[in-house]
Structures are given as C-alpha cells and as structure tokens.
N, C-alpha and C. Protein backbone atom coordinates (compact mmCIF):
# COMPACT_ATOMS: atom_id res chain seq x y z
N MET A 1 0.94 -1.17 -0.05
CA MET A 1 0.05 0.05 -0.08
C MET A 1 0.88 1.26 0.01
N GLY A 2 0.40 2.30 -0.68
CA GLY A 2 1.28 3.51 -0.84
C GLY A 2 1.37 4.27 0.43
N SER A 3 2.41 5.14 0.49
CA SER A 3 2.41 6.03 1.58
C SER A 3 1.34 7.05 1.60
N LEU A 4 0.66 7.23 2.78
CA LEU A 4 -0.26 8.36 3.01
C LEU A 4 0.31 9.81 3.06
N ASN A 5 1.53 9.84 3.13
CA ASN A 5 2.30 11.12 3.32
C ASN A 5 2.60 11.76 2.11
N GLY A 6 2.46 11.11 1.01
CA GLY A 6 2.93 11.58 -0.37
C GLY A 6 1.70 12.38 -0.98
N VAL A 7 1.87 12.87 -2.10
CA VAL A 7 0.92 13.75 -2.85
C VAL A 7 0.00 12.69 -3.62
N SER A 8 -1.25 12.92 -3.64
CA SER A 8 -2.07 12.24 -4.49
C SER A 8 -2.85 12.71 -5.54
N ASN A 9 -3.31 12.24 -6.49
CA ASN A 9 -4.02 13.01 -7.49
C ASN A 9 -5.22 12.20 -8.00
N SER A 10 -6.48 12.39 -7.41
CA SER A 10 -7.58 11.84 -7.72
C SER A 10 -8.68 12.67 -8.39
N ILE A 11 -9.44 12.21 -9.36
CA ILE A 11 -10.34 13.15 -9.99
C ILE A 11 -11.69 12.40 -9.98
N ALA A 12 -12.69 13.28 -9.58
CA ALA A 12 -14.18 12.69 -9.59
C ALA A 12 -14.96 13.99 -9.99
N TYR A 13 -15.98 13.79 -10.84
CA TYR A 13 -16.81 14.75 -11.21
C TYR A 13 -18.07 14.24 -11.89
N TYR A 14 -19.21 14.91 -11.89
CA TYR A 14 -20.37 14.51 -12.74
C TYR A 14 -20.99 15.80 -13.36
N ILE A 15 -21.60 15.34 -14.47
CA ILE A 15 -22.25 16.57 -15.31
C ILE A 15 -23.67 16.00 -15.52
N GLN A 16 -24.67 16.84 -15.25
CA GLN A 16 -26.07 16.55 -15.47
C GLN A 16 -26.85 17.50 -16.11
N THR A 17 -27.74 17.02 -16.97
CA THR A 17 -28.73 17.99 -17.68
C THR A 17 -30.06 17.42 -17.48
N ALA A 18 -31.03 18.24 -17.28
CA ALA A 18 -32.45 17.82 -17.04
C ALA A 18 -33.37 19.08 -17.61
N TYR A 19 -34.46 18.61 -17.96
CA TYR A 19 -35.58 19.66 -18.63
C TYR A 19 -36.98 19.21 -18.03
N ARG A 20 -37.48 20.09 -17.29
CA ARG A 20 -38.84 19.95 -16.97
C ARG A 20 -39.75 20.00 -18.18
N LEU A 21 -40.52 19.00 -18.45
CA LEU A 21 -41.33 19.02 -19.74
C LEU A 21 -42.52 19.95 -19.55
N PRO A 22 -42.83 20.85 -20.53
CA PRO A 22 -43.72 21.97 -20.34
C PRO A 22 -45.19 21.56 -20.31
N TRP A 23 -45.55 20.31 -20.70
CA TRP A 23 -46.93 19.78 -20.75
C TRP A 23 -47.24 19.03 -19.59
N LEU A 24 -48.48 18.69 -19.33
CA LEU A 24 -48.91 17.86 -18.19
C LEU A 24 -48.54 18.47 -16.92
N GLU A 25 -48.77 19.77 -16.77
CA GLU A 25 -48.37 20.51 -15.57
C GLU A 25 -47.02 20.45 -15.05
N ARG A 26 -45.99 20.26 -16.05
CA ARG A 26 -44.58 20.29 -15.69
C ARG A 26 -44.20 19.34 -14.58
N LEU A 27 -44.83 18.12 -14.62
CA LEU A 27 -44.68 17.11 -13.49
C LEU A 27 -43.54 16.14 -13.83
N TRP A 28 -43.21 16.02 -15.22
CA TRP A 28 -42.14 14.94 -15.65
C TRP A 28 -40.80 15.83 -16.05
N LYS A 29 -39.74 15.23 -15.55
CA LYS A 29 -38.58 15.70 -15.91
C LYS A 29 -37.52 14.56 -16.22
N PRO A 30 -37.15 14.39 -17.62
CA PRO A 30 -36.22 13.53 -17.98
C PRO A 30 -34.69 14.23 -17.73
N TYR A 31 -33.84 13.27 -17.44
CA TYR A 31 -32.45 13.82 -17.22
C TYR A 31 -31.47 12.77 -17.73
N TYR A 32 -30.16 13.32 -17.72
CA TYR A 32 -28.91 12.50 -18.21
C TYR A 32 -27.82 12.97 -17.41
N ARG A 33 -26.99 12.12 -16.82
CA ARG A 33 -25.91 12.29 -16.05
C ARG A 33 -24.76 11.48 -16.32
N LEU A 34 -23.62 12.05 -16.20
CA LEU A 34 -22.22 11.21 -16.37
C LEU A 34 -21.42 11.37 -15.20
N ASN A 35 -21.15 10.35 -14.54
CA ASN A 35 -20.31 10.35 -13.43
C ASN A 35 -19.03 9.62 -13.72
N THR A 36 -17.84 10.21 -13.35
CA THR A 36 -16.53 9.67 -13.52
C THR A 36 -15.74 9.79 -12.40
N SER A 37 -14.86 8.78 -12.17
CA SER A 37 -13.84 9.14 -11.14
C SER A 37 -12.54 8.20 -11.41
N THR A 38 -11.51 8.69 -10.96
CA THR A 38 -10.25 8.07 -11.28
C THR A 38 -9.40 8.18 -9.87
N PHE A 39 -8.87 7.08 -9.34
CA PHE A 39 -8.14 7.16 -8.15
C PHE A 39 -6.66 6.60 -8.54
N GLU A 40 -5.75 7.01 -7.84
CA GLU A 40 -4.27 6.41 -7.94
C GLU A 40 -4.43 4.98 -7.74
N LYS A 41 -3.77 4.21 -8.50
CA LYS A 41 -3.75 2.75 -8.15
C LYS A 41 -2.93 2.39 -6.90
N ARG A 42 -2.09 3.24 -6.33
CA ARG A 42 -1.48 2.81 -5.23
C ARG A 42 -2.33 2.67 -4.06
N TYR A 43 -3.56 3.36 -3.98
CA TYR A 43 -4.69 3.23 -2.81
C TYR A 43 -5.43 2.08 -3.29
N ARG A 44 -5.71 1.17 -2.31
CA ARG A 44 -6.45 -0.12 -2.48
C ARG A 44 -8.05 0.35 -2.16
N ILE A 45 -8.65 0.88 -3.22
CA ILE A 45 -9.95 1.25 -2.89
C ILE A 45 -10.83 0.05 -3.58
N PRO A 46 -11.72 -0.49 -2.91
CA PRO A 46 -12.45 -1.61 -3.47
C PRO A 46 -13.24 -1.20 -4.74
N ALA A 47 -13.52 0.06 -4.98
CA ALA A 47 -14.33 0.47 -6.19
C ALA A 47 -13.51 0.49 -7.38
N ARG A 48 -12.18 -0.02 -7.53
CA ARG A 48 -11.44 -0.07 -8.47
C ARG A 48 -10.81 1.43 -8.85
N PRO A 49 -9.69 1.59 -9.52
CA PRO A 49 -9.11 2.67 -9.88
C PRO A 49 -9.85 3.71 -10.68
N GLN A 50 -10.76 3.15 -11.62
CA GLN A 50 -11.39 4.20 -12.44
C GLN A 50 -12.89 3.54 -12.84
N ARG A 51 -13.76 4.35 -12.83
CA ARG A 51 -15.15 3.97 -13.23
C ARG A 51 -15.85 5.11 -13.94
N GLU A 52 -16.86 4.72 -14.51
CA GLU A 52 -17.59 5.65 -15.39
C GLU A 52 -19.19 5.23 -15.41
N TYR A 53 -20.05 5.94 -15.02
CA TYR A 53 -21.56 5.84 -14.99
C TYR A 53 -22.21 6.75 -16.15
N PHE A 54 -23.13 6.16 -16.74
CA PHE A 54 -24.12 7.05 -17.52
C PHE A 54 -25.46 6.63 -16.96
N HIS A 55 -26.13 7.74 -16.58
CA HIS A 55 -27.45 7.73 -16.00
C HIS A 55 -28.47 8.33 -17.12
N ARG A 56 -29.57 7.63 -17.22
CA ARG A 56 -30.78 8.21 -18.06
C ARG A 56 -32.09 7.96 -17.16
N GLY A 57 -32.74 8.94 -16.95
CA GLY A 57 -33.88 8.64 -16.19
C GLY A 57 -35.09 9.71 -16.44
N MET A 58 -36.19 9.28 -15.78
CA MET A 58 -37.38 10.12 -15.68
C MET A 58 -37.82 10.43 -14.29
N ARG A 59 -38.01 11.63 -13.87
CA ARG A 59 -38.68 11.99 -12.57
C ARG A 59 -39.92 12.38 -12.79
N TYR A 60 -40.85 12.05 -11.81
CA TYR A 60 -42.18 12.31 -11.87
C TYR A 60 -42.70 12.90 -10.44
N ASP A 61 -43.05 14.19 -10.44
CA ASP A 61 -43.54 14.79 -9.15
C ASP A 61 -44.88 14.28 -8.82
N VAL A 62 -45.10 13.46 -7.89
CA VAL A 62 -46.47 13.08 -7.49
C VAL A 62 -47.19 14.19 -6.85
N SER A 63 -46.41 15.00 -5.88
CA SER A 63 -47.01 16.16 -5.32
C SER A 63 -45.83 16.96 -5.07
N SER A 64 -46.08 18.20 -4.36
CA SER A 64 -44.89 19.03 -3.95
C SER A 64 -44.06 18.34 -2.85
N PHE A 65 -44.49 17.13 -2.31
CA PHE A 65 -43.78 16.62 -1.30
C PHE A 65 -43.24 15.21 -1.61
N ALA A 66 -43.53 14.62 -2.71
CA ALA A 66 -43.21 13.42 -3.22
C ALA A 66 -42.77 13.17 -4.66
N THR A 67 -41.91 12.37 -4.84
CA THR A 67 -41.24 12.05 -6.26
C THR A 67 -41.06 10.45 -6.55
N ILE A 68 -41.29 10.12 -7.68
CA ILE A 68 -40.91 8.95 -8.08
C ILE A 68 -40.01 9.01 -9.36
N LYS A 69 -38.82 8.12 -9.29
CA LYS A 69 -37.88 8.33 -10.31
C LYS A 69 -37.56 6.85 -10.90
N LEU A 70 -37.42 6.71 -12.12
CA LEU A 70 -37.05 5.49 -12.82
C LEU A 70 -35.76 5.79 -13.56
N GLU A 71 -34.82 5.04 -13.49
CA GLU A 71 -33.44 5.17 -13.92
C GLU A 71 -32.79 4.11 -14.56
N TYR A 72 -32.00 4.35 -15.74
CA TYR A 72 -31.19 3.37 -16.35
C TYR A 72 -29.86 3.80 -16.20
N ARG A 73 -28.85 2.69 -15.86
CA ARG A 73 -27.56 3.00 -15.54
C ARG A 73 -26.68 2.23 -16.43
N ASN A 74 -25.60 2.64 -17.07
CA ASN A 74 -24.62 1.91 -17.60
C ASN A 74 -23.28 2.17 -17.01
N MET A 75 -22.55 1.14 -16.41
CA MET A 75 -21.24 1.35 -15.75
C MET A 75 -20.22 0.62 -16.47
N GLY A 76 -18.96 1.36 -16.48
CA GLY A 76 -17.91 0.56 -16.95
C GLY A 76 -16.59 0.89 -16.28
N ARG A 77 -15.79 -0.05 -16.40
CA ARG A 77 -14.44 -0.09 -15.70
C ARG A 77 -13.34 -0.49 -16.83
N PRO A 78 -12.19 -0.02 -16.78
CA PRO A 78 -11.29 -0.41 -17.74
C PRO A 78 -10.84 -1.93 -17.69
N GLY A 79 -11.13 -2.64 -18.84
CA GLY A 79 -10.66 -3.96 -18.88
C GLY A 79 -11.98 -4.81 -18.52
N GLN A 80 -13.04 -4.33 -18.20
CA GLN A 80 -14.15 -5.08 -17.77
C GLN A 80 -15.25 -4.92 -18.63
N PRO A 81 -16.21 -5.79 -18.77
CA PRO A 81 -17.53 -5.61 -19.51
C PRO A 81 -18.34 -4.49 -18.95
N ARG A 82 -19.05 -3.76 -19.70
CA ARG A 82 -19.98 -2.81 -19.16
C ARG A 82 -21.20 -3.45 -18.51
N ILE A 83 -21.69 -2.88 -17.43
CA ILE A 83 -22.85 -3.42 -16.64
C ILE A 83 -24.05 -2.51 -16.84
N ASN A 84 -25.18 -3.04 -17.14
CA ASN A 84 -26.47 -2.26 -17.40
C ASN A 84 -27.22 -2.55 -15.97
N GLY A 85 -28.14 -1.46 -15.71
CA GLY A 85 -29.16 -1.79 -14.63
C GLY A 85 -30.29 -0.71 -14.63
N ALA A 86 -31.27 -1.25 -14.00
CA ALA A 86 -32.51 -0.37 -13.92
C ALA A 86 -32.83 -0.14 -12.47
N PHE A 87 -33.27 1.05 -11.98
CA PHE A 87 -33.48 1.35 -10.80
C PHE A 87 -34.85 2.21 -10.53
N ALA A 88 -35.44 1.91 -9.43
CA ALA A 88 -36.62 2.74 -9.23
C ALA A 88 -36.43 3.40 -7.81
N GLN A 89 -36.92 4.66 -7.53
CA GLN A 89 -36.66 5.36 -6.38
C GLN A 89 -37.96 6.16 -6.05
N THR A 90 -38.33 6.13 -4.82
CA THR A 90 -39.23 7.13 -4.46
C THR A 90 -38.88 7.95 -3.30
N SER A 91 -39.06 9.22 -3.17
CA SER A 91 -38.60 10.12 -2.18
C SER A 91 -39.67 11.00 -1.66
N PHE A 92 -39.51 11.49 -0.44
CA PHE A 92 -40.65 12.52 0.04
C PHE A 92 -39.87 13.17 1.23
N THR A 93 -40.57 14.45 1.42
CA THR A 93 -40.17 15.42 2.36
C THR A 93 -41.26 15.67 3.23
N PHE A 94 -41.09 16.15 4.43
CA PHE A 94 -42.24 16.61 5.34
C PHE A 94 -41.79 17.75 6.09
C-alpha cells in the first residue's frame, strides 16, 4: 500500500442535464448524468481505480412533497465488460 504522506491526484466529477417538460403541468423531468472517477492505483480502494457511469432517467413529481424516479444506468471499468441496470426510487419530504 502506498504512503499516505505523499501527494495524491484523484479526480471525480459529474455533469447533469435535465429539463422539466412543459406539458402535463410540468410534472415530468427527463435527465441525463455522467459520473466519472479516477483514483491512483497505489490506494487499495474496493471500487477500482477508475469507473464511469451513464444515467438516463425520468422523474415524476407526485406532489410537492413526493417524487418517483425511474433510472437506467450503464457502468464501465477499464478492462471489464460494461454493466447495465434499472433502478426505481421514491422520495418524500415533510
């Protein structure tokens, strides 16, 4: 394992775009997001040195306090096959 006293250079960022559709009372919002992260190989991080996610989804506002979200993800790591997944989420506030 590398020394923790040295300099490290890790990069992580995401870019997201979304648009609230103007019809049906503006309750639907499609979105697209790219997440990427790169960590130095000398650190033994279980998530691997580099990964990249593409998210495509649709959000529906059930009310001003609740939301349902359906999302498709495509994940890739260098030298590994890409993985696809579908996810559903609900959230609320009070």
